[in-house]
C-alpha atoms as a PDB file:
ATOM      1  CA  MET A   1     -18.312 -29.862 -10.982  1.00  0.00           C
ATOM      2  CA  ILE A   2     -17.929 -29.994  -7.198  1.00  0.00           C
ATOM      3  CA  LYS A   3     -15.385 -27.099  -7.344  1.00  0.00           C
ATOM      4  CA  VAL A   4     -17.818 -25.023  -9.426  1.00  0.00           C
ATOM      5  CA  LEU A   5     -20.656 -25.758  -6.974  1.00  0.00           C
ATOM      6  CA  LYS A   6     -18.407 -24.880  -4.066  1.00  0.00           C
ATOM      7  CA  THR A   7     -17.442 -21.589  -5.652  1.00  0.00           C
ATOM      8  CA  MET A   8     -21.059 -20.713  -6.405  1.00  0.00           C
ATOM      9  CA  ILE A   9     -22.040 -21.461  -2.806  1.00  0.00           C
ATOM     10  CA  ILE A  10     -19.228 -19.155  -1.584  1.00  0.00           C
ATOM     11  CA  TYR A  11     -20.461 -16.392  -3.974  1.00  0.00           C
ATOM     12  CA  VAL A  12     -24.069 -16.719  -2.746  1.00  0.00           C
ATOM     13  CA  VAL A  13     -23.049 -16.744   0.929  1.00  0.00           C
ATOM     14  CA  LEU A  14     -20.906 -13.631   0.487  1.00  0.00           C
ATOM     15  CA  ILE A  15     -23.506 -11.747  -1.487  1.00  0.00           C
ATOM     16  CA  LEU A  16     -26.310 -12.552   0.909  1.00  0.00           C
ATOM     17  CA  GLY A  17     -24.025 -11.873   3.905  1.00  0.00           C
ATOM     18  CA  LEU A  18     -23.096  -8.505   2.440  1.00  0.00           C
ATOM     19  CA  PHE A  19     -26.760  -7.562   1.756  1.00  0.00           C
ATOM     20  CA  PHE A  20     -27.957  -8.440   5.299  1.00  0.00           C
ATOM     21  CA  SER A  21     -24.889  -6.825   6.784  1.00  0.00           C
ATOM     22  CA  ILE A  22     -25.620  -3.558   4.978  1.00  0.00           C
ATOM     23  CA  VAL A  23     -29.209  -3.534   6.207  1.00  0.00           C
ATOM     24  CA  TYR A  24     -28.110  -4.358   9.733  1.00  0.00           C
ATOM     25  CA  ALA A  25     -25.316  -1.779   9.778  1.00  0.00           C
ATOM     26  CA  VAL A  26     -27.722   0.953   8.536  1.00  0.00           C
ATOM     27  CA  SER A  27     -30.262   0.100  11.202  1.00  0.00           C
ATOM     28  CA  ILE A  28     -27.812   0.276  14.123  1.00  0.00           C
ATOM     29  CA  GLY A  29     -26.719   3.507  15.784  1.00  0.00           C
ATOM     30  CA  ALA A  30     -27.781   6.051  18.454  1.00  0.00           C
ATOM     31  CA  VAL A  31     -31.285   5.715  16.963  1.00  0.00           C
ATOM     32  CA  GLU A  32     -32.153   2.087  16.194  1.00  0.00           C
ATOM     33  CA  ILE A  33     -34.455   1.638  13.198  1.00  0.00           C
ATOM     34  CA  LYS A  34     -36.239  -1.667  12.399  1.00  0.00           C
ATOM     35  CA  PHE A  35     -35.116  -3.806   9.478  1.00  0.00           C
ATOM     36  CA  ASN A  36     -38.351  -3.494   7.520  1.00  0.00           C
ATOM     37  CA  VAL A  37     -38.227   0.300   7.789  1.00  0.00           C
ATOM     38  CA  VAL A  38     -34.629   0.419   6.590  1.00  0.00           C
ATOM     39  CA  ILE A  39     -35.447  -1.794   3.597  1.00  0.00           C
ATOM     40  CA  ALA A  40     -38.553   0.283   2.785  1.00  0.00           C
ATOM     41  CA  ILE A  41     -36.585   3.559   2.889  1.00  0.00           C
ATOM     42  CA  ILE A  42     -33.827   2.136   0.651  1.00  0.00           C
ATOM     43  CA  LEU A  43     -36.400   0.692  -1.839  1.00  0.00           C
ATOM     44  CA  ASP A  44     -38.127   4.091  -1.962  1.00  0.00           C
ATOM     45  CA  TRP A  45     -34.749   5.789  -2.531  1.00  0.00           C
ATOM     46  CA  LEU A  46     -34.112   3.356  -5.429  1.00  0.00           C
ATOM     47  CA  GLY A  47     -37.447   4.344  -7.043  1.00  0.00           C
ATOM     48  CA  PHE A  48     -39.685   1.529  -5.986  1.00  0.00           C
ATOM     49  CA  GLU A  49     -43.224   2.268  -4.812  1.00  0.00           C
ATOM     50  CA  VAL A  50     -43.556   1.236  -1.164  1.00  0.00           C
ATOM     51  CA  PRO A  51     -45.990   2.270   1.593  1.00  0.00           C
ATOM     52  CA  VAL A  52     -44.571   5.143   3.719  1.00  0.00           C
ATOM     53  CA  ILE A  53     -43.916   3.608   7.161  1.00  0.00           C
ATOM     54  CA  TRP A  54     -41.133   5.994   8.243  1.00  0.00           C
ATOM     55  CA  SER A  55     -40.697   9.495   9.557  1.00  0.00           C
ATOM     56  CA  GLU A  56     -38.645  12.225   7.822  1.00  0.00           C
ATOM     57  CA  GLY A  57     -36.149  11.995  10.684  1.00  0.00           C
ATOM     58  CA  TRP A  58     -35.506   8.295  10.096  1.00  0.00           C
ATOM     59  CA  GLN A  59     -35.196   8.905   6.361  1.00  0.00           C
ATOM     60  CA  ALA A  60     -32.583  11.609   6.886  1.00  0.00           C
ATOM     61  CA  ILE A  61     -30.616   9.452   9.319  1.00  0.00           C
ATOM     62  CA  ILE A  62     -30.475   6.556   6.827  1.00  0.00           C
ATOM     63  CA  LEU A  63     -30.000   8.409   3.571  1.00  0.00           C
ATOM     64  CA  VAL A  64     -27.775  11.284   4.644  1.00  0.00           C
ATOM     65  CA  ILE A  65     -25.693   9.787   7.466  1.00  0.00           C
ATOM     66  CA  ARG A  66     -25.657   5.967   7.645  1.00  0.00           C
ATOM     67  CA  LEU A  67     -26.157   4.594   4.114  1.00  0.00           C
ATOM     68  CA  PRO A  68     -23.338   6.555   2.380  1.00  0.00           C
ATOM     69  CA  ARG A  69     -20.949   5.584   5.183  1.00  0.00           C
ATOM     70  CA  VAL A  70     -21.877   1.859   5.069  1.00  0.00           C
ATOM     71  CA  LEU A  71     -21.625   1.782   1.260  1.00  0.00           C
ATOM     72  CA  MET A  72     -18.309   3.636   1.400  1.00  0.00           C
ATOM     73  CA  ALA A  73     -16.992   0.963   3.840  1.00  0.00           C
ATOM     74  CA  VAL A  74     -18.065  -1.743   1.366  1.00  0.00           C
ATOM     75  CA  VAL A  75     -16.419  -0.034  -1.596  1.00  0.00           C
ATOM     76  CA  ILE A  76     -13.215   0.856   0.235  1.00  0.00           C
ATOM     77  CA  GLY A  77     -12.914  -2.689   1.579  1.00  0.00           C
ATOM     78  CA  ALA A  78     -13.464  -4.042  -1.916  1.00  0.00           C
ATOM     79  CA  MET A  79     -10.795  -1.779  -3.355  1.00  0.00           C
ATOM     80  CA  LEU A  80      -8.190  -2.781  -0.723  1.00  0.00           C
ATOM     81  CA  GLY A  81      -9.065  -6.469  -1.124  1.00  0.00           C
ATOM     82  CA  VAL A  82      -8.593  -6.431  -4.879  1.00  0.00           C
ATOM     83  CA  ALA A  83      -5.456  -4.229  -4.597  1.00  0.00           C
ATOM     84  CA  GLY A  84      -4.071  -6.839  -2.168  1.00  0.00           C
ATOM     85  CA  VAL A  85      -4.594  -9.635  -4.715  1.00  0.00           C
ATOM     86  CA  ALA A  86      -2.808  -7.526  -7.365  1.00  0.00           C
ATOM     87  CA  ALA A  87       0.108  -6.700  -4.990  1.00  0.00           C
ATOM     88  CA  GLN A  88       0.688 -10.326  -3.946  1.00  0.00           C
ATOM     89  CA  GLY A  89       0.540 -11.460  -7.581  1.00  0.00           C
ATOM     90  CA  LEU A  90       2.722  -8.654  -8.885  1.00  0.00           C
ATOM     91  CA  PHE A  91       5.420  -9.021  -6.191  1.00  0.00           C
ATOM     92  CA  LYS A  92       5.090 -12.856  -6.045  1.00  0.00           C
ATOM     93  CA  ASN A  93       4.968 -12.415  -2.311  1.00  0.00           C
ATOM     94  CA  PRO A  94       2.096 -13.727  -0.219  1.00  0.00           C
ATOM     95  CA  ILE A  95       2.759 -11.229   2.584  1.00  0.00           C
ATOM     96  CA  ALA A  96       2.772  -8.166   0.311  1.00  0.00           C
ATOM     97  CA  ASP A  97       0.019  -5.598   0.698  1.00  0.00           C
ATOM     98  CA  PRO A  98      -0.997  -2.517  -1.319  1.00  0.00           C
ATOM     99  CA  TYR A  99       0.851  -0.164   1.092  1.00  0.00           C
ATOM    100  CA  ILE A 100       4.208  -1.828   0.462  1.00  0.00           C
ATOM    101  CA  ILE A 101       5.349   0.847  -1.983  1.00  0.00           C
ATOM    102  CA  GLY A 102       4.815   3.877   0.262  1.00  0.00           C
ATOM    103  CA  ILE A 103       1.299   4.924  -0.731  1.00  0.00           C
ATOM    104  CA  SER A 104      -0.092   5.288   2.772  1.00  0.00           C
ATOM    105  CA  SER A 105       2.839   7.134   4.256  1.00  0.00           C
ATOM    106  CA  ALA A 106       2.955   9.646   1.375  1.00  0.00           C
ATOM    107  CA  ALA A 107      -0.803  10.246   1.553  1.00  0.00           C
ATOM    108  CA  GLY A 108      -0.442  10.662   5.358  1.00  0.00           C
ATOM    109  CA  PHE A 109       2.244  13.273   4.901  1.00  0.00           C
ATOM    110  CA  GLY A 110       0.066  15.164   2.413  1.00  0.00           C
ATOM    111  CA  THR A 111      -2.831  15.176   4.847  1.00  0.00           C
ATOM    112  CA  ALA A 112      -0.630  16.281   7.769  1.00  0.00           C
ATOM    113  CA  LEU A 113       0.699  19.114   5.640  1.00  0.00           C
ATOM    114  CA  MET A 114      -2.718  20.318   4.725  1.00  0.00           C
ATOM    115  CA  VAL A 115      -4.060  20.156   8.273  1.00  0.00           C
ATOM    116  CA  VAL A 116      -1.067  22.214   9.624  1.00  0.00           C
ATOM    117  CA  LEU A 117      -1.361  24.766   6.853  1.00  0.00           C
ATOM    118  CA  GLY A 118      -5.126  25.045   7.407  1.00  0.00           C
ATOM    119  CA  ILE A 119      -5.807  24.640   3.701  1.00  0.00           C
ATOM    120  CA  SER A 120      -8.371  21.864   4.395  1.00  0.00           C
ATOM    121  CA  PHE A 121     -10.994  24.495   5.238  1.00  0.00           C
ATOM    122  CA  PHE A 122     -11.371  25.630   1.630  1.00  0.00           C
ATOM    123  CA  SER A 123     -13.069  22.456   0.487  1.00  0.00           C
ATOM    124  CA  LEU A 124     -14.221  19.090   1.806  1.00  0.00           C
ATOM    125  CA  LEU A 125     -12.301  17.419  -1.096  1.00  0.00           C
ATOM    126  CA  THR A 126      -9.028  19.326  -0.564  1.00  0.00           C
ATOM    127  CA  ILE A 127      -7.484  16.820   1.838  1.00  0.00           C
ATOM    128  CA  PRO A 128      -8.468  13.749  -0.229  1.00  0.00           C
ATOM    129  CA  LEU A 129      -7.126  15.376  -3.366  1.00  0.00           C
ATOM    130  CA  VAL A 130      -3.794  16.353  -1.885  1.00  0.00           C
ATOM    131  CA  ALA A 131      -3.428  12.907  -0.143  1.00  0.00           C
ATOM    132  CA  PHE A 132      -4.132  11.265  -3.529  1.00  0.00           C
ATOM    133  CA  LEU A 133      -1.524  13.421  -5.364  1.00  0.00           C
ATOM    134  CA  PHE A 134       1.170  12.611  -2.753  1.00  0.00           C
ATOM    135  CA  ALA A 135       0.320   8.893  -2.976  1.00  0.00           C
ATOM    136  CA  ILE A 136       0.743   9.045  -6.760  1.00  0.00           C
ATOM    137  CA  LEU A 137       3.975  11.007  -6.349  1.00  0.00           C
ATOM    138  CA  SER A 138       5.445   8.323  -4.044  1.00  0.00           C
ATOM    139  CA  VAL A 139       4.607   5.536  -6.491  1.00  0.00           C
ATOM    140  CA  THR A 140       6.078   7.552  -9.421  1.00  0.00           C
ATOM    141  CA  ILE A 141       9.333   7.970  -7.477  1.00  0.00           C
ATOM    142  CA  VAL A 142       9.439   4.253  -6.537  1.00  0.00           C
ATOM    143  CA  TYR A 143       8.655   3.212 -10.133  1.00  0.00           C
ATOM    144  CA  LYS A 144      11.439   5.406 -11.548  1.00  0.00           C
ATOM    145  CA  ILE A 145      13.948   4.027  -9.024  1.00  0.00           C
ATOM    146  CA  ALA A 146      12.956   0.436  -9.704  1.00  0.00           C
ATOM    147  CA  GLN A 147      13.063   0.793 -13.545  1.00  0.00           C
ATOM    148  CA  THR A 148      16.277  -0.136 -15.329  1.00  0.00           C
ATOM    149  CA  ASN A 149      16.588  -0.249 -19.100  1.00  0.00           C
ATOM    150  CA  TYR A 150      12.782  -0.011 -19.441  1.00  0.00           C
ATOM    151  CA  ARG A 151      12.412  -3.165 -17.236  1.00  0.00           C
ATOM    152  CA  MET A 152      10.850  -3.154 -13.793  1.00  0.00           C
ATOM    153  CA  SER A 153      12.444  -5.236 -11.023  1.00  0.00           C
ATOM    154  CA  THR A 154       9.837  -6.242  -8.394  1.00  0.00           C
ATOM    155  CA  SER A 155      12.543  -6.640  -5.685  1.00  0.00           C
ATOM    156  CA  ALA A 156      13.824  -3.106  -6.453  1.00  0.00           C
ATOM    157  CA  LEU A 157      10.211  -1.893  -6.394  1.00  0.00           C
ATOM    158  CA  ILE A 158       9.698  -3.295  -2.901  1.00  0.00           C
ATOM    159  CA  LEU A 159      12.999  -1.969  -1.536  1.00  0.00           C
ATOM    160  CA  SER A 160      12.567   1.507  -2.933  1.00  0.00           C
ATOM    161  CA  GLY A 161       9.002   1.460  -1.698  1.00  0.00           C
ATOM    162  CA  ILE A 162      10.200   0.781   1.807  1.00  0.00           C
ATOM    163  CA  ALA A 163      12.744   3.579   1.572  1.00  0.00           C
ATOM    164  CA  VAL A 164      10.176   6.119   0.287  1.00  0.00           C
ATOM    165  CA  SER A 165       7.742   4.988   3.002  1.00  0.00           C
ATOM    166  CA  PHE A 166      10.249   5.606   5.778  1.00  0.00           C
ATOM    167  CA  PHE A 167      11.087   9.015   4.249  1.00  0.00           C
ATOM    168  CA  PHE A 168       7.478  10.237   4.214  1.00  0.00           C
ATOM    169  CA  SER A 169       6.780   8.706   7.644  1.00  0.00           C
ATOM    170  CA  ALA A 170       9.715  10.685   9.042  1.00  0.00           C
ATOM    171  CA  LEU A 171       8.312  13.900   7.524  1.00  0.00           C
ATOM    172  CA  THR A 172       4.929  13.174   9.064  1.00  0.00           C
ATOM    173  CA  SER A 173       6.492  12.511  12.469  1.00  0.00           C
ATOM    174  CA  PHE A 174       8.342  15.806  12.129  1.00  0.00           C
ATOM    175  CA  ILE A 175       5.040  17.688  11.541  1.00  0.00           C
ATOM    176  CA  LEU A 176       3.405  15.857  14.464  1.00  0.00           C
ATOM    177  CA  PHE A 177       6.215  16.794  16.804  1.00  0.00           C
ATOM    178  CA  PHE A 178       5.874  20.511  16.112  1.00  0.00           C
ATOM    179  CA  SER A 179       2.071  20.620  15.807  1.00  0.00           C
ATOM    180  CA  GLU A 180       0.713  19.187  19.015  1.00  0.00           C
ATOM    181  CA  ASP A 181      -2.533  21.199  18.750  1.00  0.00           C
ATOM    182  CA  LYS A 182      -3.426  19.515  15.480  1.00  0.00           C
ATOM    183  CA  ALA A 183      -1.911  16.141  16.201  1.00  0.00           C
ATOM    184  CA  HIS A 184      -5.332  14.549  17.047  1.00  0.00           C
ATOM    185  CA  ASN A 185      -6.814  15.391  13.612  1.00  0.00           C
ATOM    186  CA  ILE A 186      -3.746  14.031  11.833  1.00  0.00           C
ATOM    187  CA  LEU A 187      -3.605  10.836  13.892  1.00  0.00           C
ATOM    188  CA  SER A 188      -7.320  10.169  13.331  1.00  0.00           C
ATOM    189  CA  TYR A 189      -6.684  10.218   9.631  1.00  0.00           C
ATOM    190  CA  LEU A 190      -3.531   8.141   9.873  1.00  0.00           C
ATOM    191  CA  MET A 191      -5.404   5.417  11.867  1.00  0.00           C
ATOM    192  CA  GLY A 192      -8.228   5.351   9.301  1.00  0.00           C
ATOM    193  CA  SER A 193     -11.773   6.643   9.640  1.00  0.00           C
ATOM    194  CA  LEU A 194     -15.025   6.681   7.683  1.00  0.00           C
ATOM    195  CA  TRP A 195     -16.358   9.698   9.598  1.00  0.00           C
ATOM    196  CA  GLY A 196     -17.802  12.486   7.495  1.00  0.00           C
ATOM    197  CA  VAL A 197     -18.499  10.417   4.367  1.00  0.00           C
ATOM    198  CA  SER A 198     -20.904  12.108   1.900  1.00  0.00           C
ATOM    199  CA  TRP A 199     -22.617  10.906  -1.261  1.00  0.00           C
ATOM    200  CA  ILE A 200     -20.267  12.987  -3.474  1.00  0.00           C
ATOM    201  CA  LYS A 201     -17.222  11.354  -1.884  1.00  0.00           C
ATOM    202  CA  PHE A 202     -18.818   7.923  -2.307  1.00  0.00           C
ATOM    203  CA  TYR A 203     -19.585   8.528  -6.002  1.00  0.00           C
ATOM    204  CA  ILE A 204     -16.012   9.731  -6.631  1.00  0.00           C
ATOM    205  CA  VAL A 205     -14.587   6.582  -5.048  1.00  0.00           C
ATOM    206  CA  LEU A 206     -17.071   4.358  -6.911  1.00  0.00           C
ATOM    207  CA  ALA A 207     -16.107   6.025 -10.201  1.00  0.00           C
ATOM    208  CA  VAL A 208     -12.446   5.055  -9.563  1.00  0.00           C
ATOM    209  CA  MET A 209     -13.230   1.519  -8.321  1.00  0.00           C
ATOM    210  CA  ILE A 210     -15.402   0.168 -11.106  1.00  0.00           C
ATOM    211  CA  PRO A 211     -13.060   0.701 -14.093  1.00  0.00           C
ATOM    212  CA  CYS A 212      -9.968  -0.257 -12.080  1.00  0.00           C
ATOM    213  CA  ILE A 213     -11.349  -3.527 -10.791  1.00  0.00           C
ATOM    214  CA  ILE A 214     -12.833  -4.471 -14.141  1.00  0.00           C
ATOM    215  CA  THR A 215      -9.529  -3.855 -15.930  1.00  0.00           C
ATOM    216  CA  LEU A 216      -7.557  -5.699 -13.199  1.00  0.00           C
ATOM    217  CA  PHE A 217      -9.910  -8.675 -13.633  1.00  0.00           C
ATOM    218  CA  PHE A 218      -8.870  -8.937 -17.273  1.00  0.00           C
ATOM    219  CA  TYR A 219      -5.182  -8.864 -16.229  1.00  0.00           C
ATOM    220  CA  GLY A 220      -5.874 -11.656 -13.746  1.00  0.00           C
ATOM    221  CA  TRP A 221      -4.794 -14.243 -16.314  1.00  0.00           C
ATOM    222  CA  ASP A 222      -1.469 -12.451 -16.776  1.00  0.00           C
ATOM    223  CA  LEU A 223      -0.946 -12.552 -12.996  1.00  0.00           C
ATOM    224  CA  ASN A 224      -1.710 -16.268 -12.998  1.00  0.00           C
ATOM    225  CA  LEU A 225       1.019 -16.888 -15.548  1.00  0.00           C
ATOM    226  CA  MET A 226       3.536 -14.539 -13.918  1.00  0.00           C
ATOM    227  CA  VAL A 227       3.388 -16.533 -10.644  1.00  0.00           C
ATOM    228  CA  PHE A 228       5.521 -19.214 -12.279  1.00  0.00           C
ATOM    229  CA  SER A 229       8.159 -16.967 -13.893  1.00  0.00           C
ATOM    230  CA  ASP A 230       8.347 -13.976 -16.208  1.00  0.00           C
ATOM    231  CA  GLU A 231       9.989 -16.114 -18.865  1.00  0.00           C
ATOM    232  CA  ALA A 232       7.214 -18.701 -18.741  1.00  0.00           C
ATOM    233  CA  ALA A 233       4.555 -15.984 -18.925  1.00  0.00           C
ATOM    234  CA  GLN A 234       6.343 -14.308 -21.835  1.00  0.00           C
ATOM    235  CA  SER A 235       6.545 -17.600 -23.745  1.00  0.00           C
ATOM    236  CA  MET A 236       2.696 -17.776 -23.446  1.00  0.00           C
ATOM    237  CA  GLY A 237       2.249 -14.389 -25.073  1.00  0.00           C
ATOM    238  CA  VAL A 238       2.184 -12.059 -22.050  1.00  0.00           C
ATOM    239  CA  ASN A 239       3.802  -8.662 -22.505  1.00  0.00           C
ATOM    240  CA  ILE A 240       5.501  -8.730 -19.128  1.00  0.00           C
ATOM    241  CA  GLU A 241       6.561  -5.090 -18.769  1.00  0.00           C
ATOM    242  CA  GLN A 242       3.284  -3.721 -20.037  1.00  0.00           C
ATOM    243  CA  SER A 243       1.277  -6.015 -17.754  1.00  0.00           C
ATOM    244  CA  LYS A 244       3.370  -5.152 -14.683  1.00  0.00           C
ATOM    245  CA  SER A 245       3.027  -1.411 -15.359  1.00  0.00           C
ATOM    246  CA  VAL A 246      -0.729  -1.539 -15.926  1.00  0.00           C
ATOM    247  CA  ILE A 247      -1.296  -3.714 -12.802  1.00  0.00           C
ATOM    248  CA  LEU A 248       0.917  -1.376 -10.744  1.00  0.00           C
ATOM    249  CA  VAL A 249      -0.920   1.751 -11.936  1.00  0.00           C
ATOM    250  CA  LEU A 250      -4.369   0.164 -11.261  1.00  0.00           C
ATOM    251  CA  MET A 251      -3.308  -1.105  -7.853  1.00  0.00           C
ATOM    252  CA  THR A 252      -1.946   2.359  -7.045  1.00  0.00           C
ATOM    253  CA  LEU A 253      -5.197   4.095  -8.110  1.00  0.00           C
ATOM    254  CA  LEU A 254      -7.305   1.782  -5.966  1.00  0.00           C
ATOM    255  CA  THR A 255      -5.081   2.128  -2.897  1.00  0.00           C
ATOM    256  CA  ALA A 256      -4.389   5.827  -3.286  1.00  0.00           C
ATOM    257  CA  THR A 257      -8.066   6.621  -3.593  1.00  0.00           C
ATOM    258  CA  ALA A 258      -8.961   4.485  -0.546  1.00  0.00           C
ATOM    259  CA  VAL A 259      -6.242   6.156   1.572  1.00  0.00           C
ATOM    260  CA  ALA A 260      -7.056   9.637   0.311  1.00  0.00           C
ATOM    261  CA  PHE A 261     -10.694   9.437   1.427  1.00  0.00           C
ATOM    262  CA  CYS A 262     -10.535   7.188   4.484  1.00  0.00           C
ATOM    263  CA  GLY A 263      -6.916   7.183   5.730  1.00  0.00           C
ATOM    264  CA  THR A 264      -4.743   4.182   6.336  1.00  0.00           C
ATOM    265  CA  ILE A 265      -6.860   1.086   6.918  1.00  0.00           C
ATOM    266  CA  GLY A 266      -4.395  -1.704   7.309  1.00  0.00           C
ATOM    267  CA  PHE A 267      -4.346  -5.497   6.799  1.00  0.00           C
ATOM    268  CA  ILE A 268      -7.450  -5.827   4.555  1.00  0.00           C
ATOM    269  CA  GLY A 269      -5.256  -6.012   1.497  1.00  0.00           C
ATOM    270  CA  LEU A 270      -3.140  -8.716   3.275  1.00  0.00           C
ATOM    271  CA  ILE A 271      -5.566 -11.004   5.043  1.00  0.00           C
ATOM    272  CA  ILE A 272      -8.579 -11.002   2.673  1.00  0.00           C
ATOM    273  CA  PRO A 273      -6.691 -12.441  -0.322  1.00  0.00           C
ATOM    274  CA  HIS A 274      -5.247 -15.152   1.884  1.00  0.00           C
ATOM    275  CA  MET A 275      -8.714 -16.052   3.303  1.00  0.00           C
ATOM    276  CA  MET A 276     -10.172 -16.239  -0.186  1.00  0.00           C
ATOM    277  CA  ARG A 277      -7.207 -18.222  -1.446  1.00  0.00           C
ATOM    278  CA  LEU A 278      -7.866 -20.835   1.220  1.00  0.00           C
ATOM    279  CA  LEU A 279     -11.417 -21.148  -0.144  1.00  0.00           C
ATOM    280  CA  VAL A 280     -10.985 -21.127  -3.932  1.00  0.00           C
ATOM    281  CA  GLY A 281      -7.233 -21.598  -4.666  1.00  0.00           C
ATOM    282  CA  SER A 282      -4.897 -19.261  -6.486  1.00  0.00           C
ATOM    283  CA  ASN A 283      -6.856 -18.267  -9.622  1.00  0.00           C
ATOM    284  CA  ASN A 284      -6.418 -14.488  -9.447  1.00  0.00           C
ATOM    285  CA  ARG A 285      -9.644 -13.741 -11.293  1.00  0.00           C
ATOM    286  CA  LYS A 286     -11.719 -15.622  -8.747  1.00  0.00           C
ATOM    287  CA  LEU A 287      -9.675 -14.153  -5.967  1.00  0.00           C
ATOM    288  CA  MET A 288     -10.353 -10.591  -7.131  1.00  0.00           C
ATOM    289  CA  ILE A 289     -14.118 -11.120  -7.178  1.00  0.00           C
ATOM    290  CA  LEU A 290     -14.196 -12.865  -3.813  1.00  0.00           C
ATOM    291  CA  SER A 291     -11.697 -10.445  -2.227  1.00  0.00           C
ATOM    292  CA  ALA A 292     -13.948  -7.530  -3.282  1.00  0.00           C
ATOM    293  CA  PHE A 293     -16.918  -9.058  -1.422  1.00  0.00           C
ATOM    294  CA  GLY A 294     -14.737 -10.233   1.508  1.00  0.00           C
ATOM    295  CA  GLY A 295     -12.943  -6.908   1.845  1.00  0.00           C
ATOM    296  CA  GLY A 296     -16.213  -4.980   1.792  1.00  0.00           C
ATOM    297  CA  LEU A 297     -17.774  -7.269   4.371  1.00  0.00           C
ATOM    298  CA  LEU A 298     -14.769  -7.099   6.722  1.00  0.00           C
ATOM    299  CA  LEU A 299     -14.486  -3.272   6.627  1.00  0.00           C
ATOM    300  CA  LEU A 300     -18.237  -2.885   7.004  1.00  0.00           C
ATOM    301  CA  TRP A 301     -18.196  -4.836  10.289  1.00  0.00           C
ATOM    302  CA  ALA A 302     -14.980  -3.172  11.458  1.00  0.00           C
ATOM    303  CA  ASP A 303     -16.569   0.262  10.920  1.00  0.00           C
ATOM    304  CA  LEU A 304     -19.802  -0.842  12.683  1.00  0.00           C
ATOM    305  CA  LEU A 305     -17.712  -1.787  15.696  1.00  0.00           C
ATOM    306  CA  SER A 306     -15.741   1.419  15.567  1.00  0.00           C
ATOM    307  CA  ARG A 307     -18.847   3.632  15.754  1.00  0.00           C
ATOM    308  CA  THR A 308     -20.999   1.605  18.137  1.00  0.00           C
ATOM    309  CA  LEU A 309     -18.619  -0.130  20.615  1.00  0.00           C
ATOM    310  CA  ILE A 310     -18.168   2.871  22.924  1.00  0.00           C
ATOM    311  CA  SER A 311     -20.817   5.168  21.412  1.00  0.00           C
ATOM    312  CA  PRO A 312     -20.993   8.171  21.216  1.00  0.00           C
ATOM    313  CA  LEU A 313     -17.183   8.049  20.930  1.00  0.00           C
ATOM    314  CA  GLU A 314     -15.796   6.712  17.648  1.00  0.00           C
ATOM    315  CA  ILE A 315     -12.707   4.545  17.495  1.00  0.00           C
ATOM    316  CA  PRO A 316     -10.565   4.812  14.283  1.00  0.00           C
ATOM    317  CA  VAL A 317     -11.503   1.803  12.123  1.00  0.00           C
ATOM    318  CA  GLY A 318      -7.864   1.056  11.342  1.00  0.00           C
ATOM    319  CA  ILE A 319      -7.431  -0.041  14.964  1.00  0.00           C
ATOM    320  CA  PHE A 320     -10.016  -2.820  14.481  1.00  0.00           C
ATOM    321  CA  THR A 321      -8.576  -4.031  11.164  1.00  0.00           C
ATOM    322  CA  ALA A 322      -5.125  -4.035  12.758  1.00  0.00           C
ATOM    323  CA  LEU A 323      -6.447  -6.106  15.742  1.00  0.00           C
ATOM    324  CA  MET A 324      -7.929  -8.585  13.252  1.00  0.00           C
ATOM    325  CA  GLY A 325      -4.937  -8.572  10.917  1.00  0.00           C
ATOM    326  CA  GLY A 326      -2.103  -8.779  13.466  1.00  0.00           C
ATOM    327  CA  PRO A 327      -2.904 -12.315  14.740  1.00  0.00           C
ATOM    328  CA  PHE A 328      -3.559 -13.475  11.161  1.00  0.00           C
ATOM    329  CA  PHE A 329      -0.127 -12.133  10.071  1.00  0.00           C
ATOM    330  CA  LEU A 330       1.510 -14.117  12.891  1.00  0.00           C
ATOM    331  CA  TYR A 331      -0.450 -17.175  11.747  1.00  0.00           C
ATOM    332  CA  LEU A 332       1.039 -16.735   8.241  1.00  0.00           C
ATOM    333  CA  ILE A 333       4.530 -16.493   9.711  1.00  0.00           C
ATOM    334  CA  PHE A 334       4.074 -19.679  11.768  1.00  0.00           C
ATOM    335  CA  GLN A 335       2.665 -21.466   8.752  1.00  0.00           C
ATOM    336  CA  LYS A 336       5.686 -20.509   6.669  1.00  0.00           C
ATOM    337  CA  LYS A 337       8.087 -21.593   9.422  1.00  0.00           C
ATOM    338  CA  LYS A 338       6.244 -24.920   9.614  1.00  0.00           C
ATOM    339  CA  SER A 339       6.585 -25.450   5.860  1.00  0.00           C
ATOM    340  CA  GLY A 340      10.271 -24.424   5.945  1.00  0.00           C
ATOM    341  CA  GLU A 341       9.891 -21.325   3.792  1.00  0.00           C
ATOM    342  CA  LEU A 342      11.383 -19.142   6.528  1.00  0.00           C
ATOM    343  CA  GLY A 343      14.230 -21.465   7.326  1.00  0.00           C
END
């Protein structure tokens, strides 16, 4: 009973924290808009009848520029948080993250290629689409290398992922070396950014997120059983190879979509599952829900800092998540050394 109450309190705190953070983030910028005005504009946008207490300029700032960006930060953070839970469960490795199998480096190469070729000018969705396809390509290569006799080895998956990641990173570095004039645009993407988010991009990402997270939630029980051993999970009725493949595909779709639209935003998939695990334990279903809220909250605040700290300049959001994640990663290493897991 106490555990259930504690979990409910955590849910309520995260949901309320997310709501107030969204309103606050939307109100802050070059033009500051009062809380009550922000809420009124959002309620009007949702179809509620409210007194008009805003100007058309304020409405445009909120609905065209700030709200889609803030909501995109929440959705991308949620995707990376849930993908992180899936990665750590699938690889049985608490320091695994969704980028471990080369997704970000392949997407980065695809983006660099498009920028250098100038193809990005044809459509606002060209770069995200190509980045997504390269991310899927990298995972397909990794999966084929790791598969032996229709069985997937998680250790082979990690090792082949690292190899593929280095390969695409080298290709990206090659492009950067010979394209100094376009290096800034490429680096901005590689460091992660939510600049230029539109409603159509948000809806595309949302359409990927909802079915993937719901399906992963139902596979959370399989992940719980696979933590012990594949044999134990199989004895309890889990189709190991099918579950691993489905979880890998869903994790890839979440991560590839996030990277395709917002670049490489590191450490959320690593630190958020750990933080939530400290609060509610290792039940992967609970972890996925809480990591979705926690990831969204973290990226929202990181993005708020990135666009307001030295305004009007904008710092890539990946820098802030790395600054948060780096010390936490060191903390994990020291904890493992203390417990003797690292020798």
